[in-house]
Amino acid sequence: MGSAQSAVLNLGVLEHVGEFLEDLVGAPGACGAQINGNPQYFIDVYKAGIEIARRNLSDAIDYVANKLPIRLPRDFIRNILTRVRYGIYSPGDYREFVEVVKRYGGGK
């Protein structure tokens, strides 16, 4: 079984007018993952989590809130779970995004 590294882009803002960060930078969704090894296990778990959230959003919000190492408002978590377009996509060429992050994120 491989391991995954992930980074989160934020769809959880409580009040929002305008475009989301993902739309502005052409990111495929709220989370990205680099999968080392066979991706099928990751894909299966991801799809199961989506189905659980769709069946019972309140329980999914409680589960996520209880598993996070920090406290976040439940509305914040709800926004992420309801605003994201679920799916598994290749990120394509993301060099331009990396350069934007380096330029404005203080990285070198």
PDB file of N, CA and C in Angstrom:
ATOM      1  N   MET A   1       0.849  -1.168   0.000  1.00  0.00           N
ATOM      2  CA  MET A   1       0.000   0.000   0.000  1.00  0.00           C
ATOM      3  C   MET A   1       0.895   1.232   0.000  1.00  0.00           C
ATOM      4  N   GLY A   2       0.612   2.210  -0.855  1.00  0.00           N
ATOM      5  CA  GLY A   2       1.385   3.446  -0.917  1.00  0.00           C
ATOM      6  C   GLY A   2       0.947   4.425   0.148  1.00  0.00           C
ATOM      7  N   SER A   3       1.563   5.552   0.152  1.00  0.00           N
ATOM      8  CA  SER A   3       1.160   6.599   1.084  1.00  0.00           C
ATOM      9  C   SER A   3       0.780   7.830   0.273  1.00  0.00           C
ATOM     10  N   ALA A   4       0.058   8.731   0.899  1.00  0.00           N
ATOM     11  CA  ALA A   4      -0.399   9.931   0.198  1.00  0.00           C
ATOM     12  C   ALA A   4       0.023  11.158   0.976  1.00  0.00           C
ATOM     13  N   GLN A   5       0.369  12.205   0.253  1.00  0.00           N
ATOM     14  CA  GLN A   5       0.647  13.505   0.838  1.00  0.00           C
ATOM     15  C   GLN A   5      -0.424  14.437   0.292  1.00  0.00           C
ATOM     16  N   SER A   6      -0.967  15.304   1.132  1.00  0.00           N
ATOM     17  CA  SER A   6      -2.016  16.174   0.625  1.00  0.00           C
ATOM     18  C   SER A   6      -1.815  17.609   1.063  1.00  0.00           C
ATOM     19  N   ALA A   7      -2.418  18.502   0.324  1.00  0.00           N
ATOM     20  CA  ALA A   7      -2.427  19.924   0.648  1.00  0.00           C
ATOM     21  C   ALA A   7      -3.839  20.428   0.413  1.00  0.00           C
ATOM     22  N   VAL A   8      -4.317  21.281   1.288  1.00  0.00           N
ATOM     23  CA  VAL A   8      -5.702  21.744   1.200  1.00  0.00           C
ATOM     24  C   VAL A   8      -5.737  23.185   0.722  1.00  0.00           C
ATOM     25  N   LEU A   9      -6.561  23.432  -0.275  1.00  0.00           N
ATOM     26  CA  LEU A   9      -6.907  24.786  -0.691  1.00  0.00           C
ATOM     27  C   LEU A   9      -8.285  25.073  -0.114  1.00  0.00           C
ATOM     28  N   ASN A  10      -8.561  26.278   0.285  1.00  0.00           N
ATOM     29  CA  ASN A  10      -9.672  26.550   1.166  1.00  0.00           C
ATOM     30  C   ASN A  10     -10.984  26.944   0.513  1.00  0.00           C
ATOM     31  N   LEU A  11     -11.990  26.084   0.590  1.00  0.00           N
ATOM     32  CA  LEU A  11     -13.361  26.391   0.181  1.00  0.00           C
ATOM     33  C   LEU A  11     -14.254  26.646   1.397  1.00  0.00           C
ATOM     34  N   GLY A  12     -13.681  26.662   2.584  1.00  0.00           N
ATOM     35  CA  GLY A  12     -14.481  26.707   3.799  1.00  0.00           C
ATOM     36  C   GLY A  12     -14.834  28.080   4.309  1.00  0.00           C
ATOM     37  N   VAL A  13     -14.487  29.135   3.574  1.00  0.00           N
ATOM     38  CA  VAL A  13     -14.793  30.476   4.070  1.00  0.00           C
ATOM     39  C   VAL A  13     -16.282  30.592   4.349  1.00  0.00           C
ATOM     40  N   LEU A  14     -16.608  31.213   5.483  1.00  0.00           N
ATOM     41  CA  LEU A  14     -18.008  31.257   5.911  1.00  0.00           C
ATOM     42  C   LEU A  14     -18.840  32.201   5.067  1.00  0.00           C
ATOM     43  N   GLU A  15     -18.308  33.350   4.739  1.00  0.00           N
ATOM     44  CA  GLU A  15     -19.004  34.316   3.886  1.00  0.00           C
ATOM     45  C   GLU A  15     -18.200  34.399   2.595  1.00  0.00           C
ATOM     46  N   HIS A  16     -18.860  34.304   1.470  1.00  0.00           N
ATOM     47  CA  HIS A  16     -18.092  34.298   0.227  1.00  0.00           C
ATOM     48  C   HIS A  16     -18.866  34.981  -0.886  1.00  0.00           C
ATOM     49  N   VAL A  17     -18.196  35.932  -1.537  1.00  0.00           N
ATOM     50  CA  VAL A  17     -18.720  36.567  -2.736  1.00  0.00           C
ATOM     51  C   VAL A  17     -17.590  36.540  -3.755  1.00  0.00           C
ATOM     52  N   GLY A  18     -17.864  36.063  -4.939  1.00  0.00           N
ATOM     53  CA  GLY A  18     -16.827  36.011  -5.959  1.00  0.00           C
ATOM     54  C   GLY A  18     -16.351  34.602  -6.219  1.00  0.00           C
ATOM     55  N   GLU A  19     -15.172  34.512  -6.833  1.00  0.00           N
ATOM     56  CA  GLU A  19     -14.630  33.218  -7.229  1.00  0.00           C
ATOM     57  C   GLU A  19     -13.858  32.562  -6.091  1.00  0.00           C
ATOM     58  N   PHE A  20     -13.808  31.243  -6.125  1.00  0.00           N
ATOM     59  CA  PHE A  20     -13.001  30.494  -5.181  1.00  0.00           C
ATOM     60  C   PHE A  20     -11.565  30.420  -5.678  1.00  0.00           C
ATOM     61  N   LEU A  21     -10.641  30.204  -4.756  1.00  0.00           N
ATOM     62  CA  LEU A  21      -9.230  30.081  -5.105  1.00  0.00           C
ATOM     63  C   LEU A  21      -9.022  29.017  -6.173  1.00  0.00           C
ATOM     64  N   GLU A  22      -9.710  27.889  -6.046  1.00  0.00           N
ATOM     65  CA  GLU A  22      -9.551  26.805  -7.014  1.00  0.00           C
ATOM     66  C   GLU A  22      -9.876  27.265  -8.431  1.00  0.00           C
ATOM     67  N   ASP A  23     -10.921  28.092  -8.561  1.00  0.00           N
ATOM     68  CA  ASP A  23     -11.297  28.594  -9.873  1.00  0.00           C
ATOM     69  C   ASP A  23     -10.239  29.555 -10.421  1.00  0.00           C
ATOM     70  N   LEU A  24      -9.681  30.377  -9.545  1.00  0.00           N
ATOM     71  CA  LEU A  24      -8.710  31.376  -9.975  1.00  0.00           C
ATOM     72  C   LEU A  24      -7.392  30.761 -10.435  1.00  0.00           C
ATOM     73  N   VAL A  25      -6.974  29.683  -9.787  1.00  0.00           N
ATOM     74  CA  VAL A  25      -5.680  29.076 -10.132  1.00  0.00           C
ATOM     75  C   VAL A  25      -5.816  27.822 -10.977  1.00  0.00           C
ATOM     76  N   GLY A  26      -7.052  27.436 -11.277  1.00  0.00           N
ATOM     77  CA  GLY A  26      -7.253  26.257 -12.106  1.00  0.00           C
ATOM     78  C   GLY A  26      -6.985  24.960 -11.382  1.00  0.00           C
ATOM     79  N   ALA A  27      -7.127  24.961 -10.049  1.00  0.00           N
ATOM     80  CA  ALA A  27      -6.930  23.730  -9.278  1.00  0.00           C
ATOM     81  C   ALA A  27      -8.146  22.835  -9.439  1.00  0.00           C
ATOM     82  N   PRO A  28      -7.964  21.511  -9.413  1.00  0.00           N
ATOM     83  CA  PRO A  28      -9.083  20.611  -9.672  1.00  0.00           C
ATOM     84  C   PRO A  28     -10.054  20.413  -8.515  1.00  0.00           C
ATOM     85  N   GLY A  29      -9.778  20.921  -7.330  1.00  0.00           N
ATOM     86  CA  GLY A  29     -10.697  20.721  -6.219  1.00  0.00           C
ATOM     87  C   GLY A  29     -10.141  21.251  -4.929  1.00  0.00           C
ATOM     88  N   ALA A  30     -10.767  20.885  -3.820  1.00  0.00           N
ATOM     89  CA  ALA A  30     -10.358  21.417  -2.528  1.00  0.00           C
ATOM     90  C   ALA A  30      -9.099  20.762  -2.008  1.00  0.00           C
ATOM     91  N   CYS A  31      -8.825  19.569  -2.417  1.00  0.00           N
ATOM     92  CA  CYS A  31      -7.648  18.850  -1.920  1.00  0.00           C
ATOM     93  C   CYS A  31      -6.889  18.242  -3.083  1.00  0.00           C
ATOM     94  N   GLY A  32      -5.616  18.145  -2.877  1.00  0.00           N
ATOM     95  CA  GLY A  32      -4.786  17.448  -3.842  1.00  0.00           C
ATOM     96  C   GLY A  32      -4.014  16.381  -3.116  1.00  0.00           C
ATOM     97  N   ALA A  33      -3.723  15.324  -3.783  1.00  0.00           N
ATOM     98  CA  ALA A  33      -2.952  14.254  -3.158  1.00  0.00           C
ATOM     99  C   ALA A  33      -1.948  13.705  -4.148  1.00  0.00           C
ATOM    100  N   GLN A  34      -0.766  13.465  -3.653  1.00  0.00           N
ATOM    101  CA  GLN A  34       0.241  12.745  -4.429  1.00  0.00           C
ATOM    102  C   GLN A  34       0.248  11.338  -3.883  1.00  0.00           C
ATOM    103  N   ILE A  35      -0.064  10.374  -4.723  1.00  0.00           N
ATOM    104  CA  ILE A  35      -0.186   8.989  -4.279  1.00  0.00           C
ATOM    105  C   ILE A  35       1.057   8.230  -4.707  1.00  0.00           C
ATOM    106  N   ASN A  36       1.705   7.630  -3.728  1.00  0.00           N
ATOM    107  CA  ASN A  36       2.908   6.845  -3.993  1.00  0.00           C
ATOM    108  C   ASN A  36       2.520   5.377  -3.956  1.00  0.00           C
ATOM    109  N   GLY A  37       2.496   4.747  -5.083  1.00  0.00           N
ATOM    110  CA  GLY A  37       2.094   3.349  -5.143  1.00  0.00           C
ATOM    111  C   GLY A  37       0.776   3.210  -5.879  1.00  0.00           C
ATOM    112  N   ASN A  38       0.107   2.096  -5.659  1.00  0.00           N
ATOM    113  CA  ASN A  38      -1.163   1.809  -6.322  1.00  0.00           C
ATOM    114  C   ASN A  38      -2.242   2.771  -5.813  1.00  0.00           C
ATOM    115  N   PRO A  39      -2.860   3.547  -6.698  1.00  0.00           N
ATOM    116  CA  PRO A  39      -3.839   4.534  -6.249  1.00  0.00           C
ATOM    117  C   PRO A  39      -5.217   3.954  -5.897  1.00  0.00           C
ATOM    118  N   GLN A  40      -5.471   2.688  -6.173  1.00  0.00           N
ATOM    119  CA  GLN A  40      -6.825   2.152  -6.017  1.00  0.00           C
ATOM    120  C   GLN A  40      -7.333   2.229  -4.581  1.00  0.00           C
ATOM    121  N   TYR A  41      -6.492   1.941  -3.593  1.00  0.00           N
ATOM    122  CA  TYR A  41      -6.923   2.017  -2.190  1.00  0.00           C
ATOM    123  C   TYR A  41      -7.369   3.436  -1.858  1.00  0.00           C
ATOM    124  N   PHE A  42      -6.571   4.429  -2.242  1.00  0.00           N
ATOM    125  CA  PHE A  42      -6.915   5.830  -2.001  1.00  0.00           C
ATOM    126  C   PHE A  42      -8.237   6.184  -2.684  1.00  0.00           C
ATOM    127  N   ILE A  43      -8.387   5.772  -3.930  1.00  0.00           N
ATOM    128  CA  ILE A  43      -9.608   6.053  -4.687  1.00  0.00           C
ATOM    129  C   ILE A  43     -10.830   5.436  -4.013  1.00  0.00           C
ATOM    130  N   ASP A  44     -10.718   4.193  -3.567  1.00  0.00           N
ATOM    131  CA  ASP A  44     -11.838   3.513  -2.906  1.00  0.00           C
ATOM    132  C   ASP A  44     -12.251   4.220  -1.612  1.00  0.00           C
ATOM    133  N   VAL A  45     -11.258   4.604  -0.808  1.00  0.00           N
ATOM    134  CA  VAL A  45     -11.554   5.299   0.452  1.00  0.00           C
ATOM    135  C   VAL A  45     -12.165   6.669   0.171  1.00  0.00           C
ATOM    136  N   TYR A  46     -11.635   7.369  -0.795  1.00  0.00           N
ATOM    137  CA  TYR A  46     -12.147   8.682  -1.183  1.00  0.00           C
ATOM    138  C   TYR A  46     -13.618   8.582  -1.597  1.00  0.00           C
ATOM    139  N   LYS A  47     -13.924   7.626  -2.462  1.00  0.00           N
ATOM    140  CA  LYS A  47     -15.306   7.458  -2.928  1.00  0.00           C
ATOM    141  C   LYS A  47     -16.241   7.056  -1.794  1.00  0.00           C
ATOM    142  N   ALA A  48     -15.766   6.217  -0.874  1.00  0.00           N
ATOM    143  CA  ALA A  48     -16.590   5.826   0.281  1.00  0.00           C
ATOM    144  C   ALA A  48     -16.894   7.044   1.145  1.00  0.00           C
ATOM    145  N   GLY A  49     -15.913   7.893   1.358  1.00  0.00           N
ATOM    146  CA  GLY A  49     -16.127   9.110   2.149  1.00  0.00           C
ATOM    147  C   GLY A  49     -17.140  10.037   1.509  1.00  0.00           C
ATOM    148  N   ILE A  50     -17.097  10.159   0.202  1.00  0.00           N
ATOM    149  CA  ILE A  50     -18.077  10.992  -0.514  1.00  0.00           C
ATOM    150  C   ILE A  50     -19.484  10.440  -0.308  1.00  0.00           C
ATOM    151  N   GLU A  51     -19.650   9.142  -0.447  1.00  0.00           N
ATOM    152  CA  GLU A  51     -20.967   8.521  -0.269  1.00  0.00           C
ATOM    153  C   GLU A  51     -21.494   8.722   1.147  1.00  0.00           C
ATOM    154  N   ILE A  52     -20.627   8.592   2.135  1.00  0.00           N
ATOM    155  CA  ILE A  52     -21.037   8.802   3.532  1.00  0.00           C
ATOM    156  C   ILE A  52     -21.509  10.239   3.724  1.00  0.00           C
ATOM    157  N   ALA A  53     -20.758  11.196   3.188  1.00  0.00           N
ATOM    158  CA  ALA A  53     -21.133  12.609   3.319  1.00  0.00           C
ATOM    159  C   ALA A  53     -22.457  12.900   2.623  1.00  0.00           C
ATOM    160  N   ARG A  54     -22.695  12.288   1.486  1.00  0.00           N
ATOM    161  CA  ARG A  54     -23.950  12.520   0.757  1.00  0.00           C
ATOM    162  C   ARG A  54     -25.157  11.915   1.479  1.00  0.00           C
ATOM    163  N   ARG A  55     -24.946  10.772   2.118  1.00  0.00           N
ATOM    164  CA  ARG A  55     -26.050  10.105   2.825  1.00  0.00           C
ATOM    165  C   ARG A  55     -26.439  10.828   4.102  1.00  0.00           C
ATOM    166  N   ASN A  56     -25.439  11.303   4.849  1.00  0.00           N
ATOM    167  CA  ASN A  56     -25.735  11.935   6.130  1.00  0.00           C
ATOM    168  C   ASN A  56     -24.698  13.024   6.386  1.00  0.00           C
ATOM    169  N   LEU A  57     -24.996  14.225   5.894  1.00  0.00           N
ATOM    170  CA  LEU A  57     -24.062  15.333   5.977  1.00  0.00           C
ATOM    171  C   LEU A  57     -23.752  15.704   7.427  1.00  0.00           C
ATOM    172  N   SER A  58     -24.743  15.710   8.282  1.00  0.00           N
ATOM    173  CA  SER A  58     -24.515  16.088   9.690  1.00  0.00           C
ATOM    174  C   SER A  58     -23.532  15.147  10.371  1.00  0.00           C
ATOM    175  N   ASP A  59     -23.701  13.846  10.176  1.00  0.00           N
ATOM    176  CA  ASP A  59     -22.771  12.885  10.771  1.00  0.00           C
ATOM    177  C   ASP A  59     -21.366  13.039  10.186  1.00  0.00           C
ATOM    178  N   ALA A  60     -21.287  13.315   8.875  1.00  0.00           N
ATOM    179  CA  ALA A  60     -19.986  13.504   8.236  1.00  0.00           C
ATOM    180  C   ALA A  60     -19.283  14.734   8.812  1.00  0.00           C
ATOM    181  N   ILE A  61     -20.025  15.811   9.023  1.00  0.00           N
ATOM    182  CA  ILE A  61     -19.457  17.027   9.612  1.00  0.00           C
ATOM    183  C   ILE A  61     -18.932  16.736  11.009  1.00  0.00           C
ATOM    184  N   ASP A  62     -19.722  16.040  11.819  1.00  0.00           N
ATOM    185  CA  ASP A  62     -19.292  15.691  13.181  1.00  0.00           C
ATOM    186  C   ASP A  62     -18.039  14.823  13.148  1.00  0.00           C
ATOM    187  N   TYR A  63     -17.995  13.854  12.243  1.00  0.00           N
ATOM    188  CA  TYR A  63     -16.844  12.957  12.136  1.00  0.00           C
ATOM    189  C   TYR A  63     -15.586  13.747  11.808  1.00  0.00           C
ATOM    190  N   VAL A  64     -15.677  14.613  10.786  1.00  0.00           N
ATOM    191  CA  VAL A  64     -14.516  15.406  10.383  1.00  0.00           C
ATOM    192  C   VAL A  64     -14.084  16.322  11.525  1.00  0.00           C
ATOM    193  N   ALA A  65     -15.037  16.992  12.158  1.00  0.00           N
ATOM    194  CA  ALA A  65     -14.715  17.914  13.255  1.00  0.00           C
ATOM    195  C   ALA A  65     -13.997  17.201  14.390  1.00  0.00           C
ATOM    196  N   ASN A  66     -14.401  15.987  14.682  1.00  0.00           N
ATOM    197  CA  ASN A  66     -13.800  15.239  15.781  1.00  0.00           C
ATOM    198  C   ASN A  66     -12.427  14.659  15.434  1.00  0.00           C
ATOM    199  N   LYS A  67     -12.131  14.500  14.154  1.00  0.00           N
ATOM    200  CA  LYS A  67     -10.851  13.925  13.737  1.00  0.00           C
ATOM    201  C   LYS A  67      -9.767  14.976  13.500  1.00  0.00           C
ATOM    202  N   LEU A  68     -10.156  16.225  13.298  1.00  0.00           N
ATOM    203  CA  LEU A  68      -9.166  17.266  13.017  1.00  0.00           C
ATOM    204  C   LEU A  68      -8.328  17.573  14.257  1.00  0.00           C
ATOM    205  N   PRO A  69      -7.055  17.874  14.064  1.00  0.00           N
ATOM    206  CA  PRO A  69      -6.205  18.211  15.216  1.00  0.00           C
ATOM    207  C   PRO A  69      -6.458  19.619  15.762  1.00  0.00           C
ATOM    208  N   ILE A  70      -7.241  20.420  15.033  1.00  0.00           N
ATOM    209  CA  ILE A  70      -7.608  21.762  15.487  1.00  0.00           C
ATOM    210  C   ILE A  70      -9.120  21.886  15.452  1.00  0.00           C
ATOM    211  N   ARG A  71      -9.654  22.850  16.172  1.00  0.00           N
ATOM    212  CA  ARG A  71     -11.106  23.088  16.183  1.00  0.00           C
ATOM    213  C   ARG A  71     -11.475  24.026  15.042  1.00  0.00           C
ATOM    214  N   LEU A  72     -12.450  23.617  14.252  1.00  0.00           N
ATOM    215  CA  LEU A  72     -12.993  24.465  13.201  1.00  0.00           C
ATOM    216  C   LEU A  72     -14.503  24.524  13.373  1.00  0.00           C
ATOM    217  N   PRO A  73     -15.114  25.665  13.024  1.00  0.00           N
ATOM    218  CA  PRO A  73     -16.574  25.747  13.105  1.00  0.00           C
ATOM    219  C   PRO A  73     -17.232  24.719  12.179  1.00  0.00           C
ATOM    220  N   ARG A  74     -18.310  24.137  12.627  1.00  0.00           N
ATOM    221  CA  ARG A  74     -19.010  23.142  11.806  1.00  0.00           C
ATOM    222  C   ARG A  74     -19.509  23.745  10.489  1.00  0.00           C
ATOM    223  N   ASP A  75     -19.862  25.023  10.486  1.00  0.00           N
ATOM    224  CA  ASP A  75     -20.273  25.671   9.236  1.00  0.00           C
ATOM    225  C   ASP A  75     -19.128  25.713   8.230  1.00  0.00           C
ATOM    226  N   PHE A  76     -17.930  25.889   8.710  1.00  0.00           N
ATOM    227  CA  PHE A  76     -16.738  25.890   7.862  1.00  0.00           C
ATOM    228  C   PHE A  76     -16.591  24.526   7.182  1.00  0.00           C
ATOM    229  N   ILE A  77     -16.725  23.469   7.970  1.00  0.00           N
ATOM    230  CA  ILE A  77     -16.616  22.102   7.443  1.00  0.00           C
ATOM    231  C   ILE A  77     -17.768  21.817   6.480  1.00  0.00           C
ATOM    232  N   ARG A  78     -18.983  22.247   6.842  1.00  0.00           N
ATOM    233  CA  ARG A  78     -20.147  22.064   5.956  1.00  0.00           C
ATOM    234  C   ARG A  78     -19.883  22.726   4.603  1.00  0.00           C
ATOM    235  N   ASN A  79     -19.358  23.945   4.614  1.00  0.00           N
ATOM    236  CA  ASN A  79     -19.079  24.654   3.360  1.00  0.00           C
ATOM    237  C   ASN A  79     -18.128  23.865   2.480  1.00  0.00           C
ATOM    238  N   ILE A  80     -17.094  23.307   3.076  1.00  0.00           N
ATOM    239  CA  ILE A  80     -16.149  22.523   2.279  1.00  0.00           C
ATOM    240  C   ILE A  80     -16.841  21.301   1.676  1.00  0.00           C
ATOM    241  N   LEU A  81     -17.584  20.574   2.509  1.00  0.00           N
ATOM    242  CA  LEU A  81     -18.229  19.346   2.026  1.00  0.00           C
ATOM    243  C   LEU A  81     -19.310  19.614   0.986  1.00  0.00           C
ATOM    244  N   THR A  82     -19.937  20.771   1.024  1.00  0.00           N
ATOM    245  CA  THR A  82     -21.023  21.054   0.074  1.00  0.00           C
ATOM    246  C   THR A  82     -20.584  21.870  -1.129  1.00  0.00           C
ATOM    247  N   ARG A  83     -19.474  22.584  -1.038  1.00  0.00           N
ATOM    248  CA  ARG A  83     -19.038  23.425  -2.154  1.00  0.00           C
ATOM    249  C   ARG A  83     -18.098  22.729  -3.136  1.00  0.00           C
ATOM    250  N   VAL A  84     -17.414  21.708  -2.676  1.00  0.00           N
ATOM    251  CA  VAL A  84     -16.423  21.068  -3.534  1.00  0.00           C
ATOM    252  C   VAL A  84     -17.110  20.260  -4.639  1.00  0.00           C
ATOM    253  N   ARG A  85     -16.470  20.223  -5.805  1.00  0.00           N
ATOM    254  CA  ARG A  85     -16.899  19.328  -6.882  1.00  0.00           C
ATOM    255  C   ARG A  85     -16.070  18.068  -6.734  1.00  0.00           C
ATOM    256  N   TYR A  86     -16.708  17.001  -6.300  1.00  0.00           N
ATOM    257  CA  TYR A  86     -15.988  15.761  -6.027  1.00  0.00           C
ATOM    258  C   TYR A  86     -15.544  15.077  -7.309  1.00  0.00           C
ATOM    259  N   GLY A  87     -14.399  14.471  -7.246  1.00  0.00           N
ATOM    260  CA  GLY A  87     -13.898  13.708  -8.371  1.00  0.00           C
ATOM    261  C   GLY A  87     -12.411  13.497  -8.237  1.00  0.00           C
ATOM    262  N   ILE A  88     -11.887  12.648  -9.062  1.00  0.00           N
ATOM    263  CA  ILE A  88     -10.463  12.372  -9.078  1.00  0.00           C
ATOM    264  C   ILE A  88      -9.952  12.809 -10.443  1.00  0.00           C
ATOM    265  N   TYR A  89      -9.057  13.779 -10.422  1.00  0.00           N
ATOM    266  CA  TYR A  89      -8.571  14.382 -11.646  1.00  0.00           C
ATOM    267  C   TYR A  89      -7.058  14.468 -11.610  1.00  0.00           C
ATOM    268  N   SER A  90      -6.463  14.404 -12.761  1.00  0.00           N
ATOM    269  CA  SER A  90      -5.040  14.691 -12.874  1.00  0.00           C
ATOM    270  C   SER A  90      -4.881  16.204 -12.830  1.00  0.00           C
ATOM    271  N   PRO A  91      -3.893  16.706 -12.116  1.00  0.00           N
ATOM    272  CA  PRO A  91      -3.740  18.160 -12.031  1.00  0.00           C
ATOM    273  C   PRO A  91      -3.220  18.788 -13.307  1.00  0.00           C
ATOM    274  N   GLY A  92      -2.737  17.982 -14.236  1.00  0.00           N
ATOM    275  CA  GLY A  92      -2.182  18.549 -15.458  1.00  0.00           C
ATOM    276  C   GLY A  92      -0.907  19.320 -15.153  1.00  0.00           C
ATOM    277  N   ASP A  93      -0.651  20.355 -15.922  1.00  0.00           N
ATOM    278  CA  ASP A  93       0.551  21.162 -15.741  1.00  0.00           C
ATOM    279  C   ASP A  93       0.268  22.217 -14.673  1.00  0.00           C
ATOM    280  N   TYR A  94       0.907  22.086 -13.530  1.00  0.00           N
ATOM    281  CA  TYR A  94       0.651  23.002 -12.425  1.00  0.00           C
ATOM    282  C   TYR A  94       1.856  23.888 -12.113  1.00  0.00           C
ATOM    283  N   ARG A  95       2.773  23.989 -13.044  1.00  0.00           N
ATOM    284  CA  ARG A  95       3.972  24.814 -12.820  1.00  0.00           C
ATOM    285  C   ARG A  95       3.609  26.273 -12.562  1.00  0.00           C
ATOM    286  N   GLU A  96       2.625  26.799 -13.294  1.00  0.00           N
ATOM    287  CA  GLU A  96       2.227  28.200 -13.103  1.00  0.00           C
ATOM    288  C   GLU A  96       1.694  28.416 -11.682  1.00  0.00           C
ATOM    289  N   PHE A  97       0.920  27.468 -11.177  1.00  0.00           N
ATOM    290  CA  PHE A  97       0.409  27.550  -9.808  1.00  0.00           C
ATOM    291  C   PHE A  97       1.555  27.547  -8.799  1.00  0.00           C
ATOM    292  N   VAL A  98       2.536  26.687  -9.015  1.00  0.00           N
ATOM    293  CA  VAL A  98       3.700  26.614  -8.120  1.00  0.00           C
ATOM    294  C   VAL A  98       4.421  27.962  -8.100  1.00  0.00           C
ATOM    295  N   GLU A  99       4.573  28.580  -9.241  1.00  0.00           N
ATOM    296  CA  GLU A  99       5.246  29.877  -9.308  1.00  0.00           C
ATOM    297  C   GLU A  99       4.467  30.958  -8.568  1.00  0.00           C
ATOM    298  N   VAL A 100       3.145  30.945  -8.659  1.00  0.00           N
ATOM    299  CA  VAL A 100       2.315  31.920  -7.924  1.00  0.00           C
ATOM    300  C   VAL A 100       2.493  31.725  -6.421  1.00  0.00           C
ATOM    301  N   VAL A 101       2.469  30.475  -5.980  1.00  0.00           N
ATOM    302  CA  VAL A 101       2.652  30.196  -4.550  1.00  0.00           C
ATOM    303  C   VAL A 101       4.022  30.660  -4.086  1.00  0.00           C
ATOM    304  N   LYS A 102       5.049  30.374  -4.863  1.00  0.00           N
ATOM    305  CA  LYS A 102       6.404  30.799  -4.498  1.00  0.00           C
ATOM    306  C   LYS A 102       6.492  32.330  -4.422  1.00  0.00           C
ATOM    307  N   ARG A 103       5.899  33.000  -5.395  1.00  0.00           N
ATOM    308  CA  ARG A 103       6.001  34.449  -5.472  1.00  0.00           C
ATOM    309  C   ARG A 103       5.277  35.129  -4.316  1.00  0.00           C
ATOM    310  N   TYR A 104       4.076  34.674  -4.008  1.00  0.00           N
ATOM    311  CA  TYR A 104       3.266  35.361  -3.009  1.00  0.00           C
ATOM    312  C   TYR A 104       3.252  34.679  -1.654  1.00  0.00           C
ATOM    313  N   GLY A 105       3.749  33.457  -1.587  1.00  0.00           N
ATOM    314  CA  GLY A 105       3.729  32.717  -0.337  1.00  0.00           C
ATOM    315  C   GLY A 105       5.004  32.827   0.476  1.00  0.00           C
ATOM    316  N   GLY A 106       5.959  33.580   0.008  1.00  0.00           N
ATOM    317  CA  GLY A 106       7.195  33.763   0.763  1.00  0.00           C
ATOM    318  C   GLY A 106       8.202  32.657   0.557  1.00  0.00           C
ATOM    319  N   GLY A 107       7.878  31.644  -0.263  1.00  0.00           N
ATOM    320  CA  GLY A 107       8.814  30.546  -0.534  1.00  0.00           C
ATOM    321  C   GLY A 107       9.859  30.952  -1.542  1.00  0.00           C
ATOM    322  N   LYS A 108      10.951  30.246  -1.559  1.00  0.00           N
ATOM    323  CA  LYS A 108      12.008  30.573  -2.523  1.00  0.00           C
ATOM    324  C   LYS A 108      12.186  29.450  -3.508  1.00  0.00           C
TER     325      LYS A 108
END
